[in-house]
């Protein structure tokens, strides 16, 4: 089902596009399908990878690439999500690539998410909210978040061997539970804490979700969105 959903998301890809290439096990199938479309269908596209893992995969598949630094506008981003709610708001960052993912999504004319049905929730927050933080200030951010987050705020990895992002940042995982009913307000509040690099809430960015379930693949399009 994940493979079918990843392929189905490429219905939004057309010749001449510049594409944001997301990170994760599900969107991997979209990247493989884009490579097939280039080789077999003859489309010409250029991709902007959101992580080093994605860059290596796309290079291996011979997808033409450019860097985030070379990019000011993209036609479409295809990426995964850890959760999405009925308003198409997202939690992302389980793979640790949230900062580059958000930069790429924000310069895209539209965003399509590939996910399985377990990621569909009524209210965000069952999946711990990731934050990328400056390694120098991670303890200060954790202290600040303890006043906002009702549950535990944990450094990803052990303190003597923390997870390090492609940007050389750390990740804090924040246990809110399914309580994030106003993600835009929460994102603004967290962003004001010194040391926070990026928040794993993607608000007003996603336009469609291609969802895999035991019943098959379903495409959910945001009413009034950009697609």
C-alpha atoms as a PDB file:
ATOM      1  CA  UNK A   1       0.000   0.000   0.000  1.00  0.00           C
ATOM      2  CA  UNK A   2       2.829   2.431   0.768  1.00  0.00           C
ATOM      3  CA  UNK A   3       4.339   1.748  -2.632  1.00  0.00           C
ATOM      4  CA  UNK A   4       0.998   2.263  -4.372  1.00  0.00           C
ATOM      5  CA  UNK A   5       0.434   5.528  -2.501  1.00  0.00           C
ATOM      6  CA  UNK A   6       3.935   6.770  -3.327  1.00  0.00           C
ATOM      7  CA  UNK A   7       3.326   6.077  -7.004  1.00  0.00           C
ATOM      8  CA  UNK A   8      -0.166   7.607  -6.902  1.00  0.00           C
ATOM      9  CA  UNK A   9       1.226  10.879  -5.533  1.00  0.00           C
ATOM     10  CA  UNK A  10       3.104  11.298  -8.794  1.00  0.00           C
ATOM     11  CA  UNK A  11      -0.215  11.968 -10.562  1.00  0.00           C
ATOM     12  CA  UNK A  12       0.501  15.584  -9.614  1.00  0.00           C
ATOM     13  CA  UNK A  13       3.929  15.573 -11.327  1.00  0.00           C
ATOM     14  CA  UNK A  14       4.177  16.889 -14.885  1.00  0.00           C
ATOM     15  CA  UNK A  15       6.863  17.736 -17.400  1.00  0.00           C
ATOM     16  CA  UNK A  16       8.955  20.817 -16.663  1.00  0.00           C
ATOM     17  CA  UNK A  17       8.299  20.908 -12.929  1.00  0.00           C
ATOM     18  CA  UNK A  18      10.732  21.723 -10.165  1.00  0.00           C
ATOM     19  CA  UNK A  19      10.054  19.352  -7.283  1.00  0.00           C
ATOM     20  CA  UNK A  20      10.760  19.183  -3.589  1.00  0.00           C
ATOM     21  CA  UNK A  21      11.763  15.617  -2.774  1.00  0.00           C
ATOM     22  CA  UNK A  22      10.779  14.601   0.733  1.00  0.00           C
ATOM     23  CA  UNK A  23      12.297  12.198   3.210  1.00  0.00           C
ATOM     24  CA  UNK A  24      11.058   8.867   4.546  1.00  0.00           C
ATOM     25  CA  UNK A  25      10.106   5.305   3.726  1.00  0.00           C
ATOM     26  CA  UNK A  26       6.818   6.117   1.976  1.00  0.00           C
ATOM     27  CA  UNK A  27       7.919   9.047  -0.178  1.00  0.00           C
ATOM     28  CA  UNK A  28      10.888   6.936  -1.263  1.00  0.00           C
ATOM     29  CA  UNK A  29       8.481   5.186  -3.634  1.00  0.00           C
ATOM     30  CA  UNK A  30       7.493   8.555  -5.122  1.00  0.00           C
ATOM     31  CA  UNK A  31      11.135   9.351  -5.815  1.00  0.00           C
ATOM     32  CA  UNK A  32      11.622   5.966  -7.489  1.00  0.00           C
ATOM     33  CA  UNK A  33       8.515   6.615  -9.625  1.00  0.00           C
ATOM     34  CA  UNK A  34       9.774  10.083 -10.617  1.00  0.00           C
ATOM     35  CA  UNK A  35      13.012   8.479 -11.795  1.00  0.00           C
ATOM     36  CA  UNK A  36      10.979   5.980 -13.841  1.00  0.00           C
ATOM     37  CA  UNK A  37       8.933   8.831 -15.380  1.00  0.00           C
ATOM     38  CA  UNK A  38      12.169  10.558 -16.405  1.00  0.00           C
ATOM     39  CA  UNK A  39      13.641   7.442 -17.991  1.00  0.00           C
ATOM     40  CA  UNK A  40      10.543   5.853 -19.527  1.00  0.00           C
ATOM     41  CA  UNK A  41       8.099   8.724 -20.095  1.00  0.00           C
ATOM     42  CA  UNK A  42      10.705  11.309 -21.039  1.00  0.00           C
ATOM     43  CA  UNK A  43       9.622  14.034 -18.614  1.00  0.00           C
ATOM     44  CA  UNK A  44      12.135  16.670 -17.603  1.00  0.00           C
ATOM     45  CA  UNK A  45      12.099  17.726 -13.965  1.00  0.00           C
ATOM     46  CA  UNK A  46      14.586  18.944 -11.386  1.00  0.00           C
ATOM     47  CA  UNK A  47      14.473  17.955  -7.732  1.00  0.00           C
ATOM     48  CA  UNK A  48      15.487  19.631  -4.484  1.00  0.00           C
ATOM     49  CA  UNK A  49      16.222  17.018  -1.767  1.00  0.00           C
ATOM     50  CA  UNK A  50      15.168  17.623   1.834  1.00  0.00           C
ATOM     51  CA  UNK A  51      17.859  15.430   3.387  1.00  0.00           C
ATOM     52  CA  UNK A  52      21.187  13.843   2.646  1.00  0.00           C
ATOM     53  CA  UNK A  53      19.490  10.428   2.474  1.00  0.00           C
ATOM     54  CA  UNK A  54      17.134  11.714  -0.203  1.00  0.00           C
ATOM     55  CA  UNK A  55      19.981  13.373  -2.075  1.00  0.00           C
ATOM     56  CA  UNK A  56      21.904  10.116  -2.198  1.00  0.00           C
ATOM     57  CA  UNK A  57      18.841   8.180  -3.393  1.00  0.00           C
ATOM     58  CA  UNK A  58      18.005  10.753  -6.083  1.00  0.00           C
ATOM     59  CA  UNK A  59      21.596  10.866  -7.301  1.00  0.00           C
ATOM     60  CA  UNK A  60      21.662   7.071  -7.473  1.00  0.00           C
ATOM     61  CA  UNK A  61      18.471   7.194  -9.571  1.00  0.00           C
ATOM     62  CA  UNK A  62      19.981   9.929 -11.772  1.00  0.00           C
ATOM     63  CA  UNK A  63      17.326  12.540 -11.001  1.00  0.00           C
ATOM     64  CA  UNK A  64      18.657  16.037 -11.853  1.00  0.00           C
ATOM     65  CA  UNK A  65      19.082  18.013  -8.624  1.00  0.00           C
ATOM     66  CA  UNK A  66      19.748  21.456  -7.298  1.00  0.00           C
ATOM     67  CA  UNK A  67      20.321  22.588  -3.730  1.00  0.00           C
ATOM     68  CA  UNK A  68      18.009  24.420  -1.357  1.00  0.00           C
ATOM     69  CA  UNK A  69      20.375  27.396  -1.538  1.00  0.00           C
ATOM     70  CA  UNK A  70      19.837  27.570  -5.302  1.00  0.00           C
ATOM     71  CA  UNK A  71      16.057  27.485  -4.949  1.00  0.00           C
ATOM     72  CA  UNK A  72      13.564  30.326  -4.593  1.00  0.00           C
ATOM     73  CA  UNK A  73      10.415  28.684  -5.990  1.00  0.00           C
ATOM     74  CA  UNK A  74       9.213  25.125  -6.577  1.00  0.00           C
ATOM     75  CA  UNK A  75       6.131  23.832  -8.333  1.00  0.00           C
ATOM     76  CA  UNK A  76       5.398  20.943  -6.000  1.00  0.00           C
ATOM     77  CA  UNK A  77       6.762  19.129  -2.959  1.00  0.00           C
ATOM     78  CA  UNK A  78       5.987  15.479  -2.260  1.00  0.00           C
ATOM     79  CA  UNK A  79       6.768  14.421   1.301  1.00  0.00           C
ATOM     80  CA  UNK A  80       5.606  12.200   4.135  1.00  0.00           C
ATOM     81  CA  UNK A  81       4.064  13.078   7.497  1.00  0.00           C
ATOM     82  CA  UNK A  82       3.910  11.595  10.982  1.00  0.00           C
ATOM     83  CA  UNK A  83       0.353  12.880  11.512  1.00  0.00           C
ATOM     84  CA  UNK A  84      -2.265  14.856   9.628  1.00  0.00           C
ATOM     85  CA  UNK A  85      -5.569  16.216  10.897  1.00  0.00           C
ATOM     86  CA  UNK A  86      -8.885  17.084   9.168  1.00  0.00           C
ATOM     87  CA  UNK A  87      -7.582  20.593   8.368  1.00  0.00           C
ATOM     88  CA  UNK A  88      -4.536  19.082   6.594  1.00  0.00           C
ATOM     89  CA  UNK A  89      -2.189  20.376   9.296  1.00  0.00           C
ATOM     90  CA  UNK A  90       0.830  18.145   9.896  1.00  0.00           C
ATOM     91  CA  UNK A  91       3.345  16.918  12.424  1.00  0.00           C
ATOM     92  CA  UNK A  92       6.658  16.093  10.748  1.00  0.00           C
ATOM     93  CA  UNK A  93      10.169  15.411  11.947  1.00  0.00           C
ATOM     94  CA  UNK A  94      10.172  11.766  12.938  1.00  0.00           C
ATOM     95  CA  UNK A  95      13.103  11.309  10.600  1.00  0.00           C
ATOM     96  CA  UNK A  96      14.829  14.455  11.828  1.00  0.00           C
ATOM     97  CA  UNK A  97      14.701  16.373   8.528  1.00  0.00           C
ATOM     98  CA  UNK A  98      11.986  18.862   9.521  1.00  0.00           C
ATOM     99  CA  UNK A  99      13.983  22.065   8.979  1.00  0.00           C
ATOM    100  CA  UNK A 100      14.945  21.358   5.380  1.00  0.00           C
ATOM    101  CA  UNK A 101      11.519  19.834   4.760  1.00  0.00           C
ATOM    102  CA  UNK A 102       9.793  23.018   5.891  1.00  0.00           C
ATOM    103  CA  UNK A 103      12.108  25.292   3.917  1.00  0.00           C
ATOM    104  CA  UNK A 104      11.377  23.312   0.753  1.00  0.00           C
ATOM    105  CA  UNK A 105       7.632  23.102   1.441  1.00  0.00           C
ATOM    106  CA  UNK A 106       7.414  26.834   2.078  1.00  0.00           C
ATOM    107  CA  UNK A 107       8.897  27.734  -1.309  1.00  0.00           C
ATOM    108  CA  UNK A 108       6.576  25.310  -3.127  1.00  0.00           C
ATOM    109  CA  UNK A 109       3.390  26.313  -4.912  1.00  0.00           C
ATOM    110  CA  UNK A 110       1.743  23.204  -3.470  1.00  0.00           C
ATOM    111  CA  UNK A 111       2.486  20.211  -1.239  1.00  0.00           C
ATOM    112  CA  UNK A 112       1.280  16.622  -1.463  1.00  0.00           C
ATOM    113  CA  UNK A 113       1.764  14.270   1.480  1.00  0.00           C
ATOM    114  CA  UNK A 114       2.061  10.499   1.128  1.00  0.00           C
ATOM    115  CA  UNK A 115       0.982   8.624   4.257  1.00  0.00           C
ATOM    116  CA  UNK A 116      -0.740   5.515   5.518  1.00  0.00           C
ATOM    117  CA  UNK A 117      -4.059   5.559   7.357  1.00  0.00           C
ATOM    118  CA  UNK A 118      -2.401   5.308  10.788  1.00  0.00           C
ATOM    119  CA  UNK A 119      -1.177   8.894  10.320  1.00  0.00           C
ATOM    120  CA  UNK A 120      -4.739  10.269  10.063  1.00  0.00           C
ATOM    121  CA  UNK A 121      -5.876  11.753  13.403  1.00  0.00           C
ATOM    122  CA  UNK A 122      -8.687  13.918  14.706  1.00  0.00           C
ATOM    123  CA  UNK A 123      -6.337  16.116  16.734  1.00  0.00           C
ATOM    124  CA  UNK A 124      -2.570  16.372  16.391  1.00  0.00           C
ATOM    125  CA  UNK A 125      -0.196  15.319  19.145  1.00  0.00           C
ATOM    126  CA  UNK A 126      -0.324  11.575  19.730  1.00  0.00           C
ATOM    127  CA  UNK A 127       2.967  11.507  17.823  1.00  0.00           C
ATOM    128  CA  UNK A 128       5.563  13.419  19.836  1.00  0.00           C
ATOM    129  CA  UNK A 129       6.172  16.877  18.374  1.00  0.00           C
ATOM    130  CA  UNK A 130       9.795  17.200  17.178  1.00  0.00           C
ATOM    131  CA  UNK A 131      11.774  20.430  17.472  1.00  0.00           C
ATOM    132  CA  UNK A 132      15.153  21.054  15.908  1.00  0.00           C
ATOM    133  CA  UNK A 133      17.248  23.037  18.367  1.00  0.00           C
ATOM    134  CA  UNK A 134      20.671  24.644  18.579  1.00  0.00           C
ATOM    135  CA  UNK A 135      22.946  22.144  20.364  1.00  0.00           C
ATOM    136  CA  UNK A 136      24.298  24.923  22.575  1.00  0.00           C
ATOM    137  CA  UNK A 137      20.845  25.796  23.917  1.00  0.00           C
ATOM    138  CA  UNK A 138      19.060  22.447  23.998  1.00  0.00           C
ATOM    139  CA  UNK A 139      18.771  22.362  27.795  1.00  0.00           C
ATOM    140  CA  UNK A 140      17.380  25.890  27.853  1.00  0.00           C
ATOM    141  CA  UNK A 141      14.831  24.941  25.190  1.00  0.00           C
ATOM    142  CA  UNK A 142      13.878  21.834  27.149  1.00  0.00           C
ATOM    143  CA  UNK A 143      13.348  23.996  30.224  1.00  0.00           C
ATOM    144  CA  UNK A 144      11.218  26.466  28.275  1.00  0.00           C
ATOM    145  CA  UNK A 145       9.187  23.687  26.677  1.00  0.00           C
ATOM    146  CA  UNK A 146       8.443  22.162  30.083  1.00  0.00           C
ATOM    147  CA  UNK A 147       6.203  25.188  30.708  1.00  0.00           C
ATOM    148  CA  UNK A 148       4.292  24.598  27.456  1.00  0.00           C
ATOM    149  CA  UNK A 149       4.273  20.838  26.938  1.00  0.00           C
ATOM    150  CA  UNK A 150       2.073  18.811  29.321  1.00  0.00           C
ATOM    151  CA  UNK A 151       4.222  15.691  28.945  1.00  0.00           C
ATOM    152  CA  UNK A 152       7.871  14.765  28.749  1.00  0.00           C
ATOM    153  CA  UNK A 153      10.382  16.703  26.633  1.00  0.00           C
ATOM    154  CA  UNK A 154      13.209  14.364  25.621  1.00  0.00           C
ATOM    155  CA  UNK A 155      16.473  14.782  23.783  1.00  0.00           C
ATOM    156  CA  UNK A 156      16.454  12.311  20.894  1.00  0.00           C
ATOM    157  CA  UNK A 157      19.189   9.804  21.543  1.00  0.00           C
ATOM    158  CA  UNK A 158      21.189   9.624  24.726  1.00  0.00           C
ATOM    159  CA  UNK A 159      22.717  12.795  26.130  1.00  0.00           C
ATOM    160  CA  UNK A 160      26.226  11.441  25.516  1.00  0.00           C
ATOM    161  CA  UNK A 161      25.289  10.369  21.961  1.00  0.00           C
ATOM    162  CA  UNK A 162      22.424  12.552  20.712  1.00  0.00           C
ATOM    163  CA  UNK A 163      20.809  12.299  17.298  1.00  0.00           C
ATOM    164  CA  UNK A 164      22.367  14.963  15.041  1.00  0.00           C
ATOM    165  CA  UNK A 165      20.484  16.388  12.055  1.00  0.00           C
ATOM    166  CA  UNK A 166      21.890  17.156   8.616  1.00  0.00           C
ATOM    167  CA  UNK A 167      22.130  20.758   9.877  1.00  0.00           C
ATOM    168  CA  UNK A 168      24.152  19.606  12.935  1.00  0.00           C
ATOM    169  CA  UNK A 169      21.235  20.389  15.237  1.00  0.00           C
ATOM    170  CA  UNK A 170      19.642  18.317  18.001  1.00  0.00           C
ATOM    171  CA  UNK A 171      16.041  17.087  18.189  1.00  0.00           C
ATOM    172  CA  UNK A 172      13.734  17.427  21.187  1.00  0.00           C
ATOM    173  CA  UNK A 173      10.638  15.196  21.119  1.00  0.00           C
ATOM    174  CA  UNK A 174       7.723  16.731  23.032  1.00  0.00           C
ATOM    175  CA  UNK A 175       4.838  14.596  24.337  1.00  0.00           C
ATOM    176  CA  UNK A 176       1.687  16.683  23.993  1.00  0.00           C
ATOM    177  CA  UNK A 177      -0.787  13.868  23.468  1.00  0.00           C
ATOM    178  CA  UNK A 178      -3.771  14.543  21.165  1.00  0.00           C
ATOM    179  CA  UNK A 179      -4.217  18.108  22.434  1.00  0.00           C
ATOM    180  CA  UNK A 180      -2.862  20.295  19.614  1.00  0.00           C
ATOM    181  CA  UNK A 181      -6.124  21.858  18.439  1.00  0.00           C
ATOM    182  CA  UNK A 182      -4.528  25.188  17.438  1.00  0.00           C
ATOM    183  CA  UNK A 183      -1.217  24.246  15.794  1.00  0.00           C
ATOM    184  CA  UNK A 184      -0.633  27.732  14.378  1.00  0.00           C
ATOM    185  CA  UNK A 185      -0.718  29.351  17.826  1.00  0.00           C
ATOM    186  CA  UNK A 186       1.458  26.621  19.327  1.00  0.00           C
ATOM    187  CA  UNK A 187       4.008  26.963  16.542  1.00  0.00           C
ATOM    188  CA  UNK A 188       4.268  30.716  17.160  1.00  0.00           C
ATOM    189  CA  UNK A 189       4.666  30.215  20.906  1.00  0.00           C
ATOM    190  CA  UNK A 190       7.394  27.596  20.578  1.00  0.00           C
ATOM    191  CA  UNK A 191       9.253  29.579  17.895  1.00  0.00           C
ATOM    192  CA  UNK A 192       9.758  32.432  20.379  1.00  0.00           C
ATOM    193  CA  UNK A 193      11.954  30.247  22.630  1.00  0.00           C
ATOM    194  CA  UNK A 194      15.633  31.064  22.148  1.00  0.00           C
ATOM    195  CA  UNK A 195      17.473  28.121  20.645  1.00  0.00           C
ATOM    196  CA  UNK A 196      14.546  26.704  18.661  1.00  0.00           C
ATOM    197  CA  UNK A 197      15.596  26.292  15.030  1.00  0.00           C
ATOM    198  CA  UNK A 198      12.348  24.816  13.690  1.00  0.00           C
ATOM    199  CA  UNK A 199       9.059  23.352  14.916  1.00  0.00           C
ATOM    200  CA  UNK A 200       7.659  20.147  13.437  1.00  0.00           C
ATOM    201  CA  UNK A 201       4.212  21.682  12.874  1.00  0.00           C
ATOM    202  CA  UNK A 202       3.411  22.311   9.214  1.00  0.00           C
ATOM    203  CA  UNK A 203       0.471  24.707   9.178  1.00  0.00           C
ATOM    204  CA  UNK A 204      -1.359  25.841   6.039  1.00  0.00           C
ATOM    205  CA  UNK A 205       1.166  24.105   3.788  1.00  0.00           C
ATOM    206  CA  UNK A 206      -0.342  20.728   2.809  1.00  0.00           C
ATOM    207  CA  UNK A 207      -2.814  20.672  -0.101  1.00  0.00           C
ATOM    208  CA  UNK A 208      -3.486  16.951  -0.507  1.00  0.00           C
ATOM    209  CA  UNK A 209      -2.822  13.622   1.182  1.00  0.00           C
ATOM    210  CA  UNK A 210      -2.431  10.393  -0.784  1.00  0.00           C
ATOM    211  CA  UNK A 211      -3.352   7.834   1.861  1.00  0.00           C
ATOM    212  CA  UNK A 212      -2.737   4.112   1.837  1.00  0.00           C
ATOM    213  CA  UNK A 213      -5.040   1.834   3.826  1.00  0.00           C
ATOM    214  CA  UNK A 214      -6.208  -1.766   3.810  1.00  0.00           C
ATOM    215  CA  UNK A 215      -8.986  -0.661   1.442  1.00  0.00           C
ATOM    216  CA  UNK A 216      -6.548   0.780  -1.097  1.00  0.00           C
ATOM    217  CA  UNK A 217      -5.232   4.226  -1.942  1.00  0.00           C
ATOM    218  CA  UNK A 218      -7.316   7.371  -1.469  1.00  0.00           C
ATOM    219  CA  UNK A 219      -6.443  10.936  -2.457  1.00  0.00           C
ATOM    220  CA  UNK A 220      -7.744  13.577  -0.062  1.00  0.00           C
ATOM    221  CA  UNK A 221      -7.634  17.121  -1.467  1.00  0.00           C
ATOM    222  CA  UNK A 222      -7.877  20.121   0.820  1.00  0.00           C
ATOM    223  CA  UNK A 223     -10.963  22.235   0.044  1.00  0.00           C
ATOM    224  CA  UNK A 224      -9.850  25.636  -1.133  1.00  0.00           C
ATOM    225  CA  UNK A 225      -6.239  24.449  -1.367  1.00  0.00           C
ATOM    226  CA  UNK A 226      -3.774  25.120  -4.158  1.00  0.00           C
ATOM    227  CA  UNK A 227      -4.367  21.977  -6.240  1.00  0.00           C
END
